[in-house]
Amino acid sequence: MNITTRSPGLGLASARILLRHGLQAGLSAHTCLQDTGLGRRQIEQGLSDVTCAQELQMIDNLCAVLGNPLRLGFEVGLQYRLSSLGLIGLAMMTSRDLRAAAELAARYLQHAENLTQLNFAVKQGDFLIEMSSRPQLSNRQQRFLIARELGVIAAVQDEIVPGRRNVRRILLTFPYDPAMDAMARYFACPVLSDQEGHCFVGDAMHLAMTMPMSNPVTADVCEHVCTEHLLPDAPDLIGRVRQRIEDALPELPCMEQVAEQLHMSVRTLSRHLDKAGWRWRDLISECRLNRAEVLLKRGVSIKIAAAQAGFSSTSSFSHAFNRRRGLSPGRFAEQMRKA
């Protein structure tokens, strides 16, 4: 894994927090950074970013000396702020509201290489954050990382809605650990062990809260910088867009639906279409005509081909086909029969 698979500055910010926590606990910089290839000056002065592998080594170093990874991870997570999350944190800070920030984070996490994965959902008034860590990580690393995510959630919640917890419950797959009692006191809600998955359950009402530096234009620029290098190459991306459109036919998907399926914003999708020389309506038209061609080659009637390709009438289909293909659907079908 390499540095560029994460938001610029995220690894460095995490390493700084880990180093600071270790130093405050009485550890030496050498102990905190052992086997990482990093130096204290390198981290404190921001001379380079930090990879996932280096961050994991720092986590192992701290857990080996300070013990209980669940307690330690939560304590470390509480030291985060949105500004600690690198450029993606700035994108979240400048989002319109908490819902937009969560959706942005979800899009980023679908493309980026991270130690944990978060999935967001709203169900019956609950705001769910489902958490998972890489299965190949050690039990100690997984416990630290899940607890750290909960600490980060708590810290960000304090930053956005100070004094308003309204957390329903927290579910963890781990067996009971005394550190869970500290989490329960902090969130003022039950923390349940031995569950089927890791999940934070909060009040969906908070999703309407305005973010501290709300500026959707800035948020969009930051997201673009964070995710541009993570997205597929243009031809591959256009192929995926076309597949989504064709799968939906004869219904016509809107750009918002396809962008959501591809875990990107509408603006990001629009930029990639422009770069590839496509307008949305032209791509929709091309996909419909391709579907109709396939059907006509199979001997389907013009009327049925038009309907299954999403055209409102045979005449509108014939007009579009003739304009884009240079011959009528009937003539095309005749040529296919003779071929």
C-alpha atoms as a PDB file:
ATOM      1  CA  MET A   1       0.000   0.000   0.000  1.00  0.00           C
ATOM      2  CA  ASN A   2       1.289   3.493  -0.703  1.00  0.00           C
ATOM      3  CA  ILE A   3       0.773   6.979   0.631  1.00  0.00           C
ATOM      4  CA  THR A   4      -1.259   8.211  -2.319  1.00  0.00           C
ATOM      5  CA  THR A   5      -4.119   5.792  -1.644  1.00  0.00           C
ATOM      6  CA  ARG A   6      -5.253   7.947   1.266  1.00  0.00           C
ATOM      7  CA  SER A   7      -6.261  11.560   1.709  1.00  0.00           C
ATOM      8  CA  PRO A   8      -3.087  13.714   1.632  1.00  0.00           C
ATOM      9  CA  GLY A   9      -1.899  14.335   5.181  1.00  0.00           C
ATOM     10  CA  LEU A  10      -4.127  11.760   6.871  1.00  0.00           C
ATOM     11  CA  GLY A  11      -1.295   9.336   7.662  1.00  0.00           C
ATOM     12  CA  LEU A  12       0.941  12.128   8.940  1.00  0.00           C
ATOM     13  CA  ALA A  13      -1.826  13.524  11.178  1.00  0.00           C
ATOM     14  CA  SER A  14      -2.492  10.078  12.663  1.00  0.00           C
ATOM     15  CA  ALA A  15       1.214   9.500  13.283  1.00  0.00           C
ATOM     16  CA  ARG A  16       1.503  12.850  15.072  1.00  0.00           C
ATOM     17  CA  ILE A  17      -1.387  11.979  17.374  1.00  0.00           C
ATOM     18  CA  LEU A  18       0.065   8.529  18.101  1.00  0.00           C
ATOM     19  CA  LEU A  19       3.494  10.003  18.811  1.00  0.00           C
ATOM     20  CA  ARG A  20       2.084  12.728  21.044  1.00  0.00           C
ATOM     21  CA  HIS A  21       0.015  10.223  22.996  1.00  0.00           C
ATOM     22  CA  GLY A  22       3.001   7.946  23.474  1.00  0.00           C
ATOM     23  CA  LEU A  23       5.220  10.800  24.662  1.00  0.00           C
ATOM     24  CA  GLN A  24       2.531  11.997  27.091  1.00  0.00           C
ATOM     25  CA  ALA A  25       2.345   8.454  28.482  1.00  0.00           C
ATOM     26  CA  GLY A  26       6.087   8.529  29.201  1.00  0.00           C
ATOM     27  CA  LEU A  27       7.337   6.556  26.203  1.00  0.00           C
ATOM     28  CA  SER A  28      10.400   7.637  24.269  1.00  0.00           C
ATOM     29  CA  ALA A  29      10.167   8.689  20.629  1.00  0.00           C
ATOM     30  CA  HIS A  30      12.402   5.723  19.792  1.00  0.00           C
ATOM     31  CA  THR A  31       9.883   3.301  21.338  1.00  0.00           C
ATOM     32  CA  CYS A  32       6.949   4.927  19.544  1.00  0.00           C
ATOM     33  CA  LEU A  33       8.693   4.882  16.158  1.00  0.00           C
ATOM     34  CA  GLN A  34      10.637   1.629  16.388  1.00  0.00           C
ATOM     35  CA  ASP A  35      10.742  -0.327  13.082  1.00  0.00           C
ATOM     36  CA  THR A  36       8.795   2.369  11.192  1.00  0.00           C
ATOM     37  CA  GLY A  37      11.763   4.005   9.461  1.00  0.00           C
ATOM     38  CA  LEU A  38      10.430   7.352  10.710  1.00  0.00           C
ATOM     39  CA  GLY A  39      12.094   9.945  12.920  1.00  0.00           C
ATOM     40  CA  ARG A  40      10.532  12.325  15.426  1.00  0.00           C
ATOM     41  CA  ARG A  41      11.626  15.407  13.467  1.00  0.00           C
ATOM     42  CA  GLN A  42      10.234  13.910  10.267  1.00  0.00           C
ATOM     43  CA  ILE A  43       6.769  13.625  11.835  1.00  0.00           C
ATOM     44  CA  GLU A  44       6.703  16.804  13.884  1.00  0.00           C
ATOM     45  CA  GLN A  45       7.861  18.980  10.987  1.00  0.00           C
ATOM     46  CA  GLY A  46       5.726  17.215   8.385  1.00  0.00           C
ATOM     47  CA  LEU A  47       8.644  16.267   6.141  1.00  0.00           C
ATOM     48  CA  SER A  48       6.760  13.316   4.631  1.00  0.00           C
ATOM     49  CA  ASP A  49       3.428  11.531   4.838  1.00  0.00           C
ATOM     50  CA  VAL A  50       3.013   8.185   6.625  1.00  0.00           C
ATOM     51  CA  THR A  51       1.895   4.893   5.098  1.00  0.00           C
ATOM     52  CA  CYS A  52      -0.707   2.512   6.532  1.00  0.00           C
ATOM     53  CA  ALA A  53       2.059  -0.011   7.312  1.00  0.00           C
ATOM     54  CA  GLN A  54       4.050   2.578   9.284  1.00  0.00           C
ATOM     55  CA  GLU A  55       0.935   3.642  11.180  1.00  0.00           C
ATOM     56  CA  LEU A  56       0.163   0.029  12.096  1.00  0.00           C
ATOM     57  CA  GLN A  57       3.695  -0.420  13.402  1.00  0.00           C
ATOM     58  CA  MET A  58       3.290   2.637  15.638  1.00  0.00           C
ATOM     59  CA  ILE A  59      -0.002   1.204  16.929  1.00  0.00           C
ATOM     60  CA  ASP A  60       1.739  -2.086  17.753  1.00  0.00           C
ATOM     61  CA  ASN A  61       4.558  -0.230  19.494  1.00  0.00           C
ATOM     62  CA  LEU A  62       2.162   1.685  21.740  1.00  0.00           C
ATOM     63  CA  CYS A  63      -0.076  -1.302  22.505  1.00  0.00           C
ATOM     64  CA  ALA A  64       2.931  -3.471  23.423  1.00  0.00           C
ATOM     65  CA  VAL A  65       3.871  -1.057  26.218  1.00  0.00           C
ATOM     66  CA  LEU A  66       0.619   0.677  27.214  1.00  0.00           C
ATOM     67  CA  GLY A  67      -1.637  -2.395  27.139  1.00  0.00           C
ATOM     68  CA  ASN A  68      -5.416  -2.637  26.582  1.00  0.00           C
ATOM     69  CA  PRO A  69      -5.848  -1.719  22.894  1.00  0.00           C
ATOM     70  CA  LEU A  70      -9.574  -0.955  23.297  1.00  0.00           C
ATOM     71  CA  ARG A  71      -8.917   1.630  26.004  1.00  0.00           C
ATOM     72  CA  LEU A  72      -5.856   2.984  24.222  1.00  0.00           C
ATOM     73  CA  GLY A  73      -7.579   3.279  20.839  1.00  0.00           C
ATOM     74  CA  PHE A  74     -10.494   5.215  22.319  1.00  0.00           C
ATOM     75  CA  GLU A  75      -8.164   7.590  24.150  1.00  0.00           C
ATOM     76  CA  VAL A  76      -6.188   8.239  20.972  1.00  0.00           C
ATOM     77  CA  GLY A  77      -9.368   8.769  18.930  1.00  0.00           C
ATOM     78  CA  LEU A  78     -10.580  11.448  21.349  1.00  0.00           C
ATOM     79  CA  GLN A  79      -7.560  13.561  20.395  1.00  0.00           C
ATOM     80  CA  TYR A  80      -8.685  13.886  16.766  1.00  0.00           C
ATOM     81  CA  ARG A  81     -10.448  16.859  15.240  1.00  0.00           C
ATOM     82  CA  LEU A  82     -11.850  17.203  11.739  1.00  0.00           C
ATOM     83  CA  SER A  83      -8.743  19.207  10.914  1.00  0.00           C
ATOM     84  CA  SER A  84      -6.701  16.139  11.940  1.00  0.00           C
ATOM     85  CA  LEU A  85      -8.096  14.119   9.033  1.00  0.00           C
ATOM     86  CA  GLY A  86      -6.038  15.820   6.358  1.00  0.00           C
ATOM     87  CA  LEU A  87      -7.674  17.234   3.250  1.00  0.00           C
ATOM     88  CA  ILE A  88     -10.699  14.973   3.562  1.00  0.00           C
ATOM     89  CA  GLY A  89     -11.293  16.506   7.011  1.00  0.00           C
ATOM     90  CA  LEU A  90     -11.322  19.976   5.462  1.00  0.00           C
ATOM     91  CA  ALA A  91     -13.780  18.714   2.860  1.00  0.00           C
ATOM     92  CA  MET A  92     -16.065  17.487   5.657  1.00  0.00           C
ATOM     93  CA  MET A  93     -15.717  20.719   7.656  1.00  0.00           C
ATOM     94  CA  THR A  94     -16.821  22.755   4.652  1.00  0.00           C
ATOM     95  CA  SER A  95     -19.725  20.473   3.662  1.00  0.00           C
ATOM     96  CA  ARG A  96     -23.247  21.865   3.764  1.00  0.00           C
ATOM     97  CA  ASP A  97     -24.364  19.824   6.785  1.00  0.00           C
ATOM     98  CA  LEU A  98     -23.520  16.648   8.695  1.00  0.00           C
ATOM     99  CA  ARG A  99     -25.429  14.478   6.217  1.00  0.00           C
ATOM    100  CA  ALA A 100     -23.408  15.882   3.301  1.00  0.00           C
ATOM    101  CA  ALA A 101     -20.186  15.378   5.294  1.00  0.00           C
ATOM    102  CA  ALA A 102     -21.085  11.740   6.037  1.00  0.00           C
ATOM    103  CA  GLU A 103     -21.964  11.072   2.388  1.00  0.00           C
ATOM    104  CA  LEU A 104     -18.683  12.660   1.290  1.00  0.00           C
ATOM    105  CA  ALA A 105     -16.719  10.507   3.749  1.00  0.00           C
ATOM    106  CA  ALA A 106     -18.535   7.403   2.482  1.00  0.00           C
ATOM    107  CA  ARG A 107     -17.637   8.218  -1.135  1.00  0.00           C
ATOM    108  CA  TYR A 108     -14.003   8.754  -0.182  1.00  0.00           C
ATOM    109  CA  LEU A 109     -13.782   5.518   1.812  1.00  0.00           C
ATOM    110  CA  GLN A 110     -15.162   3.489  -1.093  1.00  0.00           C
ATOM    111  CA  HIS A 111     -12.128   4.467  -3.191  1.00  0.00           C
ATOM    112  CA  ALA A 112      -9.338   4.964  -0.653  1.00  0.00           C
ATOM    113  CA  GLU A 113      -7.008   2.479   1.032  1.00  0.00           C
ATOM    114  CA  ASN A 114      -7.669   2.698   4.769  1.00  0.00           C
ATOM    115  CA  LEU A 115      -7.195   0.594   7.873  1.00  0.00           C
ATOM    116  CA  THR A 116     -10.930   0.662   8.584  1.00  0.00           C
ATOM    117  CA  GLN A 117     -14.085   0.891   6.526  1.00  0.00           C
ATOM    118  CA  LEU A 118     -17.161   2.877   7.550  1.00  0.00           C
ATOM    119  CA  ASN A 119     -20.640   2.530   6.066  1.00  0.00           C
ATOM    120  CA  PHE A 120     -23.338   5.102   6.762  1.00  0.00           C
ATOM    121  CA  ALA A 121     -27.100   4.547   6.767  1.00  0.00           C
ATOM    122  CA  VAL A 122     -30.297   6.112   8.109  1.00  0.00           C
ATOM    123  CA  LYS A 123     -33.012   3.775   9.385  1.00  0.00           C
ATOM    124  CA  GLN A 124     -36.182   4.756  11.252  1.00  0.00           C
ATOM    125  CA  GLY A 125     -34.712   7.920  12.712  1.00  0.00           C
ATOM    126  CA  ASP A 126     -31.368   6.313  13.568  1.00  0.00           C
ATOM    127  CA  PHE A 127     -28.043   7.350  12.054  1.00  0.00           C
ATOM    128  CA  LEU A 128     -25.901   4.208  11.720  1.00  0.00           C
ATOM    129  CA  ILE A 129     -22.143   4.079  11.292  1.00  0.00           C
ATOM    130  CA  GLU A 130     -21.109   0.485  10.653  1.00  0.00           C
ATOM    131  CA  MET A 131     -17.399  -0.115  11.232  1.00  0.00           C
ATOM    132  CA  SER A 132     -15.049  -2.850  10.132  1.00  0.00           C
ATOM    133  CA  SER A 133     -11.305  -3.332   9.995  1.00  0.00           C
ATOM    134  CA  ARG A 134      -9.186  -5.320   7.602  1.00  0.00           C
ATOM    135  CA  PRO A 135      -9.621  -9.022   8.382  1.00  0.00           C
ATOM    136  CA  GLN A 136      -5.887  -9.738   8.016  1.00  0.00           C
ATOM    137  CA  LEU A 137      -5.044  -7.446  10.933  1.00  0.00           C
ATOM    138  CA  SER A 138      -4.228  -8.870  14.350  1.00  0.00           C
ATOM    139  CA  ASN A 139      -6.875  -8.934  17.070  1.00  0.00           C
ATOM    140  CA  ARG A 140      -4.953  -6.239  18.936  1.00  0.00           C
ATOM    141  CA  GLN A 141      -4.852  -3.981  15.872  1.00  0.00           C
ATOM    142  CA  GLN A 142      -8.545  -4.500  15.156  1.00  0.00           C
ATOM    143  CA  ARG A 143      -9.555  -3.666  18.726  1.00  0.00           C
ATOM    144  CA  PHE A 144      -7.420  -0.517  18.705  1.00  0.00           C
ATOM    145  CA  LEU A 145      -8.717   0.673  15.320  1.00  0.00           C
ATOM    146  CA  ILE A 146     -12.421   0.136  16.038  1.00  0.00           C
ATOM    147  CA  ALA A 147     -12.043   1.860  19.423  1.00  0.00           C
ATOM    148  CA  ARG A 148     -10.132   4.704  17.765  1.00  0.00           C
ATOM    149  CA  GLU A 149     -12.968   5.184  15.258  1.00  0.00           C
ATOM    150  CA  LEU A 150     -15.403   5.494  18.155  1.00  0.00           C
ATOM    151  CA  GLY A 151     -13.097   8.027  19.788  1.00  0.00           C
ATOM    152  CA  VAL A 152     -12.918  10.012  16.550  1.00  0.00           C
ATOM    153  CA  ILE A 153     -16.723   9.934  16.245  1.00  0.00           C
ATOM    154  CA  ALA A 154     -17.020  11.217  19.819  1.00  0.00           C
ATOM    155  CA  ALA A 155     -14.476  13.975  19.200  1.00  0.00           C
ATOM    156  CA  VAL A 156     -16.117  15.094  15.943  1.00  0.00           C
ATOM    157  CA  GLN A 157     -19.533  15.014  17.624  1.00  0.00           C
ATOM    158  CA  ASP A 158     -18.208  17.294  20.370  1.00  0.00           C
ATOM    159  CA  GLU A 159     -16.831  19.593  17.684  1.00  0.00           C
ATOM    160  CA  ILE A 160     -20.077  19.861  15.704  1.00  0.00           C
ATOM    161  CA  VAL A 161     -22.818  19.439  18.326  1.00  0.00           C
ATOM    162  CA  PRO A 162     -21.146  20.126  21.697  1.00  0.00           C
ATOM    163  CA  GLY A 163     -23.160  18.942  24.667  1.00  0.00           C
ATOM    164  CA  ARG A 164     -25.731  17.094  22.518  1.00  0.00           C
ATOM    165  CA  ARG A 165     -24.923  13.399  22.538  1.00  0.00           C
ATOM    166  CA  ASN A 166     -28.280  11.689  21.777  1.00  0.00           C
ATOM    167  CA  VAL A 167     -26.447   8.413  21.086  1.00  0.00           C
ATOM    168  CA  ARG A 168     -28.766   5.417  21.159  1.00  0.00           C
ATOM    169  CA  ARG A 169     -26.279   2.571  21.595  1.00  0.00           C
ATOM    170  CA  ILE A 170     -22.935   1.169  20.450  1.00  0.00           C
ATOM    171  CA  LEU A 171     -22.523  -2.412  19.289  1.00  0.00           C
ATOM    172  CA  LEU A 172     -19.194  -4.277  19.329  1.00  0.00           C
ATOM    173  CA  THR A 173     -18.308  -7.824  18.329  1.00  0.00           C
ATOM    174  CA  PHE A 174     -15.615  -8.067  21.019  1.00  0.00           C
ATOM    175  CA  PRO A 175     -16.183  -9.847  24.345  1.00  0.00           C
ATOM    176  CA  TYR A 176     -16.841  -7.587  27.327  1.00  0.00           C
ATOM    177  CA  ASP A 177     -13.888  -5.400  28.253  1.00  0.00           C
ATOM    178  CA  PRO A 178     -13.747  -2.856  31.131  1.00  0.00           C
ATOM    179  CA  ALA A 179     -12.828  -0.197  28.551  1.00  0.00           C
ATOM    180  CA  MET A 180     -16.408  -0.475  27.272  1.00  0.00           C
ATOM    181  CA  ASP A 181     -17.649   0.999  30.555  1.00  0.00           C
ATOM    182  CA  ALA A 182     -15.590   4.140  29.915  1.00  0.00           C
ATOM    183  CA  MET A 183     -17.071   4.385  26.419  1.00  0.00           C
ATOM    184  CA  ALA A 184     -20.584   3.991  27.829  1.00  0.00           C
ATOM    185  CA  ARG A 185     -19.990   6.809  30.312  1.00  0.00           C
ATOM    186  CA  TYR A 186     -18.562   9.088  27.628  1.00  0.00           C
ATOM    187  CA  PHE A 187     -21.397   8.503  25.141  1.00  0.00           C
ATOM    188  CA  ALA A 188     -24.050   8.195  27.884  1.00  0.00           C
ATOM    189  CA  CYS A 189     -25.512   5.120  26.199  1.00  0.00           C
ATOM    190  CA  PRO A 190     -25.226   1.323  26.393  1.00  0.00           C
ATOM    191  CA  VAL A 191     -22.144  -0.303  24.838  1.00  0.00           C
ATOM    192  CA  LEU A 192     -23.071  -3.874  23.979  1.00  0.00           C
ATOM    193  CA  SER A 193     -20.466  -6.615  23.561  1.00  0.00           C
ATOM    194  CA  ASP A 194     -20.570  -9.901  21.602  1.00  0.00           C
ATOM    195  CA  GLN A 195     -22.704  -8.410  18.805  1.00  0.00           C
ATOM    196  CA  GLU A 196     -22.762  -9.447  15.156  1.00  0.00           C
ATOM    197  CA  GLY A 197     -21.070  -6.229  13.968  1.00  0.00           C
ATOM    198  CA  HIS A 198     -19.499  -2.965  15.107  1.00  0.00           C
ATOM    199  CA  CYS A 199     -22.028  -0.138  14.893  1.00  0.00           C
ATOM    200  CA  PHE A 200     -22.567   3.359  16.275  1.00  0.00           C
ATOM    201  CA  VAL A 201     -26.270   4.230  16.480  1.00  0.00           C
ATOM    202  CA  GLY A 202     -27.040   7.928  16.839  1.00  0.00           C
ATOM    203  CA  ASP A 203     -29.894  10.358  16.323  1.00  0.00           C
ATOM    204  CA  ALA A 204     -30.539  11.092  12.630  1.00  0.00           C
ATOM    205  CA  MET A 205     -31.779  14.542  13.658  1.00  0.00           C
ATOM    206  CA  HIS A 206     -28.131  15.623  13.902  1.00  0.00           C
ATOM    207  CA  LEU A 207     -27.635  15.078  10.174  1.00  0.00           C
ATOM    208  CA  ALA A 208     -29.271  18.448   9.521  1.00  0.00           C
ATOM    209  CA  MET A 209     -26.666  20.294  11.624  1.00  0.00           C
ATOM    210  CA  THR A 210     -24.684  22.871   9.644  1.00  0.00           C
ATOM    211  CA  MET A 211     -20.971  22.115   9.467  1.00  0.00           C
ATOM    212  CA  PRO A 212     -18.528  24.560  11.173  1.00  0.00           C
ATOM    213  CA  MET A 213     -17.077  26.017   7.962  1.00  0.00           C
ATOM    214  CA  SER A 214     -19.928  25.269   5.548  1.00  0.00           C
ATOM    215  CA  ASN A 215     -18.801  26.095   2.005  1.00  0.00           C
ATOM    216  CA  PRO A 216     -19.935  23.437  -0.487  1.00  0.00           C
ATOM    217  CA  VAL A 217     -17.714  24.841  -3.249  1.00  0.00           C
ATOM    218  CA  THR A 218     -14.611  24.369  -1.096  1.00  0.00           C
ATOM    219  CA  ALA A 219     -15.843  20.914  -0.050  1.00  0.00           C
ATOM    220  CA  ASP A 220     -16.175  19.887  -3.687  1.00  0.00           C
ATOM    221  CA  VAL A 221     -12.658  21.089  -4.541  1.00  0.00           C
ATOM    222  CA  CYS A 222     -11.177  19.245  -1.554  1.00  0.00           C
ATOM    223  CA  GLU A 223     -13.013  16.044  -2.444  1.00  0.00           C
ATOM    224  CA  HIS A 224     -11.784  16.337  -6.023  1.00  0.00           C
ATOM    225  CA  VAL A 225      -8.163  16.598  -4.855  1.00  0.00           C
ATOM    226  CA  CYS A 226      -8.605  13.683  -2.434  1.00  0.00           C
ATOM    227  CA  THR A 227     -10.272  11.267  -4.815  1.00  0.00           C
ATOM    228  CA  GLU A 228      -9.092  12.217  -8.308  1.00  0.00           C
ATOM    229  CA  HIS A 229      -6.131   9.829  -8.223  1.00  0.00           C
ATOM    230  CA  LEU A 230      -8.237   7.069  -6.637  1.00  0.00           C
ATOM    231  CA  LEU A 231     -10.864   6.866  -9.383  1.00  0.00           C
ATOM    232  CA  PRO A 232     -10.629   4.482 -12.354  1.00  0.00           C
ATOM    233  CA  ASP A 233      -9.057   5.667 -15.613  1.00  0.00           C
ATOM    234  CA  ALA A 234     -11.492   7.600 -17.813  1.00  0.00           C
ATOM    235  CA  PRO A 235     -12.261   4.757 -20.287  1.00  0.00           C
ATOM    236  CA  ASP A 236     -12.928   2.310 -17.467  1.00  0.00           C
ATOM    237  CA  LEU A 237     -15.086   4.827 -15.598  1.00  0.00           C
ATOM    238  CA  ILE A 238     -17.157   5.640 -18.692  1.00  0.00           C
ATOM    239  CA  GLY A 239     -17.605   1.910 -19.228  1.00  0.00           C
ATOM    240  CA  ARG A 240     -18.935   1.555 -15.683  1.00  0.00           C
ATOM    241  CA  VAL A 241     -21.297   4.494 -16.183  1.00  0.00           C
ATOM    242  CA  ARG A 242     -22.618   2.980 -19.412  1.00  0.00           C
ATOM    243  CA  GLN A 243     -23.145  -0.344 -17.649  1.00  0.00           C
ATOM    244  CA  ARG A 244     -25.198   1.344 -14.909  1.00  0.00           C
ATOM    245  CA  ILE A 245     -27.347   3.083 -17.516  1.00  0.00           C
ATOM    246  CA  GLU A 246     -27.866  -0.064 -19.584  1.00  0.00           C
ATOM    247  CA  ASP A 247     -28.734  -2.101 -16.496  1.00  0.00           C
ATOM    248  CA  ALA A 248     -31.506   0.392 -15.672  1.00  0.00           C
ATOM    249  CA  LEU A 249     -33.118   0.429 -19.148  1.00  0.00           C
ATOM    250  CA  PRO A 250     -35.884   0.831 -20.111  1.00  0.00           C
ATOM    251  CA  GLU A 251     -35.985   3.146 -17.088  1.00  0.00           C
ATOM    252  CA  LEU A 252     -33.747   6.180 -17.510  1.00  0.00           C
ATOM    253  CA  PRO A 253     -31.492   6.753 -14.462  1.00  0.00           C
ATOM    254  CA  CYS A 254     -30.589  10.302 -13.496  1.00  0.00           C
ATOM    255  CA  MET A 255     -26.986  11.373 -13.055  1.00  0.00           C
ATOM    256  CA  GLU A 256     -27.473  11.602  -9.277  1.00  0.00           C
ATOM    257  CA  GLN A 257     -28.425   7.905  -9.099  1.00  0.00           C
ATOM    258  CA  VAL A 258     -25.440   6.747 -11.147  1.00  0.00           C
ATOM    259  CA  ALA A 259     -23.015   8.994  -9.224  1.00  0.00           C
ATOM    260  CA  GLU A 260     -24.269   7.522  -5.942  1.00  0.00           C
ATOM    261  CA  GLN A 261     -23.810   3.974  -7.269  1.00  0.00           C
ATOM    262  CA  LEU A 262     -20.225   4.839  -8.212  1.00  0.00           C
ATOM    263  CA  HIS A 263     -19.582   6.492  -4.821  1.00  0.00           C
ATOM    264  CA  MET A 264     -18.783   9.940  -6.166  1.00  0.00           C
ATOM    265  CA  SER A 265     -20.419  13.343  -6.288  1.00  0.00           C
ATOM    266  CA  VAL A 266     -22.417  14.523  -9.293  1.00  0.00           C
ATOM    267  CA  ARG A 267     -19.812  17.215  -9.912  1.00  0.00           C
ATOM    268  CA  THR A 268     -17.002  14.652  -9.956  1.00  0.00           C
ATOM    269  CA  LEU A 269     -18.916  12.447 -12.388  1.00  0.00           C
ATOM    270  CA  SER A 270     -19.687  15.455 -14.569  1.00  0.00           C
ATOM    271  CA  ARG A 271     -16.004  16.406 -14.680  1.00  0.00           C
ATOM    272  CA  HIS A 272     -15.039  12.916 -15.827  1.00  0.00           C
ATOM    273  CA  LEU A 273     -17.728  12.883 -18.497  1.00  0.00           C
ATOM    274  CA  ASP A 274     -16.516  16.250 -19.778  1.00  0.00           C
ATOM    275  CA  LYS A 275     -12.937  15.031 -19.809  1.00  0.00           C
ATOM    276  CA  ALA A 276     -13.979  12.011 -21.902  1.00  0.00           C
ATOM    277  CA  GLY A 277     -15.964  14.203 -24.299  1.00  0.00           C
ATOM    278  CA  TRP A 278     -19.426  13.100 -23.187  1.00  0.00           C
ATOM    279  CA  ARG A 279     -22.523  14.998 -22.132  1.00  0.00           C
ATOM    280  CA  TRP A 280     -24.928  13.094 -19.903  1.00  0.00           C
ATOM    281  CA  ARG A 281     -27.866  13.203 -22.306  1.00  0.00           C
ATOM    282  CA  ASP A 282     -25.658  12.068 -25.197  1.00  0.00           C
ATOM    283  CA  LEU A 283     -24.369   9.108 -23.199  1.00  0.00           C
ATOM    284  CA  ILE A 284     -27.940   8.165 -22.247  1.00  0.00           C
ATOM    285  CA  SER A 285     -28.958   8.349 -25.918  1.00  0.00           C
ATOM    286  CA  GLU A 286     -25.995   6.228 -27.012  1.00  0.00           C
ATOM    287  CA  CYS A 287     -26.779   3.531 -24.446  1.00  0.00           C
ATOM    288  CA  ARG A 288     -30.423   3.412 -25.538  1.00  0.00           C
ATOM    289  CA  LEU A 289     -29.468   3.106 -29.199  1.00  0.00           C
ATOM    290  CA  ASN A 290     -26.954   0.366 -28.389  1.00  0.00           C
ATOM    291  CA  ARG A 291     -29.673  -1.568 -26.553  1.00  0.00           C
ATOM    292  CA  ALA A 292     -32.020  -1.127 -29.509  1.00  0.00           C
ATOM    293  CA  GLU A 293     -29.355  -2.333 -31.955  1.00  0.00           C
ATOM    294  CA  VAL A 294     -28.811  -5.515 -29.953  1.00  0.00           C
ATOM    295  CA  LEU A 295     -32.556  -6.184 -29.934  1.00  0.00           C
ATOM    296  CA  LEU A 296     -32.944  -5.506 -33.649  1.00  0.00           C
ATOM    297  CA  LYS A 297     -30.076  -7.900 -34.397  1.00  0.00           C
ATOM    298  CA  ARG A 298     -32.006 -10.557 -32.501  1.00  0.00           C
ATOM    299  CA  GLY A 299     -35.015 -10.041 -34.752  1.00  0.00           C
ATOM    300  CA  VAL A 300     -37.126  -8.097 -32.242  1.00  0.00           C
ATOM    301  CA  SER A 301     -39.694  -5.753 -33.793  1.00  0.00           C
ATOM    302  CA  ILE A 302     -38.978  -2.028 -34.024  1.00  0.00           C
ATOM    303  CA  LYS A 303     -41.839  -1.250 -31.641  1.00  0.00           C
ATOM    304  CA  ILE A 304     -40.595  -3.612 -28.926  1.00  0.00           C
ATOM    305  CA  ALA A 305     -36.956  -2.547 -29.406  1.00  0.00           C
ATOM    306  CA  ALA A 306     -37.998   1.085 -28.957  1.00  0.00           C
ATOM    307  CA  ALA A 307     -39.919   0.323 -25.758  1.00  0.00           C
ATOM    308  CA  GLN A 308     -37.212  -1.846 -24.206  1.00  0.00           C
ATOM    309  CA  ALA A 309     -34.585   0.793 -24.991  1.00  0.00           C
ATOM    310  CA  GLY A 310     -36.592   3.411 -23.108  1.00  0.00           C
ATOM    311  CA  PHE A 311     -38.037   5.445 -25.985  1.00  0.00           C
ATOM    312  CA  SER A 312     -41.482   6.919 -25.474  1.00  0.00           C
ATOM    313  CA  SER A 313     -42.638   6.086 -29.003  1.00  0.00           C
ATOM    314  CA  THR A 314     -41.589   4.316 -32.177  1.00  0.00           C
ATOM    315  CA  SER A 315     -41.391   7.639 -34.023  1.00  0.00           C
ATOM    316  CA  SER A 316     -39.018   9.217 -31.474  1.00  0.00           C
ATOM    317  CA  PHE A 317     -36.869   6.087 -31.612  1.00  0.00           C
ATOM    318  CA  SER A 318     -36.773   6.129 -35.426  1.00  0.00           C
ATOM    319  CA  HIS A 319     -35.829   9.806 -35.449  1.00  0.00           C
ATOM    320  CA  ALA A 320     -33.001   9.320 -32.919  1.00  0.00           C
ATOM    321  CA  PHE A 321     -31.727   6.186 -34.663  1.00  0.00           C
ATOM    322  CA  ASN A 322     -31.679   7.801 -38.084  1.00  0.00           C
ATOM    323  CA  ARG A 323     -29.969  10.930 -36.744  1.00  0.00           C
ATOM    324  CA  ARG A 324     -27.219   9.064 -34.863  1.00  0.00           C
ATOM    325  CA  ARG A 325     -26.778   6.000 -37.086  1.00  0.00           C
ATOM    326  CA  GLY A 326     -27.506   7.485 -40.513  1.00  0.00           C
ATOM    327  CA  LEU A 327     -30.208   4.994 -41.456  1.00  0.00           C
ATOM    328  CA  SER A 328     -33.643   3.973 -40.257  1.00  0.00           C
ATOM    329  CA  PRO A 329     -34.205   1.130 -37.754  1.00  0.00           C
ATOM    330  CA  GLY A 330     -36.041  -0.780 -40.473  1.00  0.00           C
ATOM    331  CA  ARG A 331     -33.122  -0.471 -42.877  1.00  0.00           C
ATOM    332  CA  PHE A 332     -30.697  -1.506 -40.108  1.00  0.00           C
ATOM    333  CA  ALA A 333     -32.800  -4.587 -39.308  1.00  0.00           C
ATOM    334  CA  GLU A 334     -32.942  -5.500 -43.000  1.00  0.00           C
ATOM    335  CA  GLN A 335     -29.140  -5.293 -43.275  1.00  0.00           C
ATOM    336  CA  MET A 336     -28.786  -7.534 -40.221  1.00  0.00           C
ATOM    337  CA  ARG A 337     -31.069 -10.143 -41.762  1.00  0.00           C
ATOM    338  CA  LYS A 338     -28.974 -10.177 -44.956  1.00  0.00           C
ATOM    339  CA  ALA A 339     -25.630 -10.296 -43.126  1.00  0.00           C
END
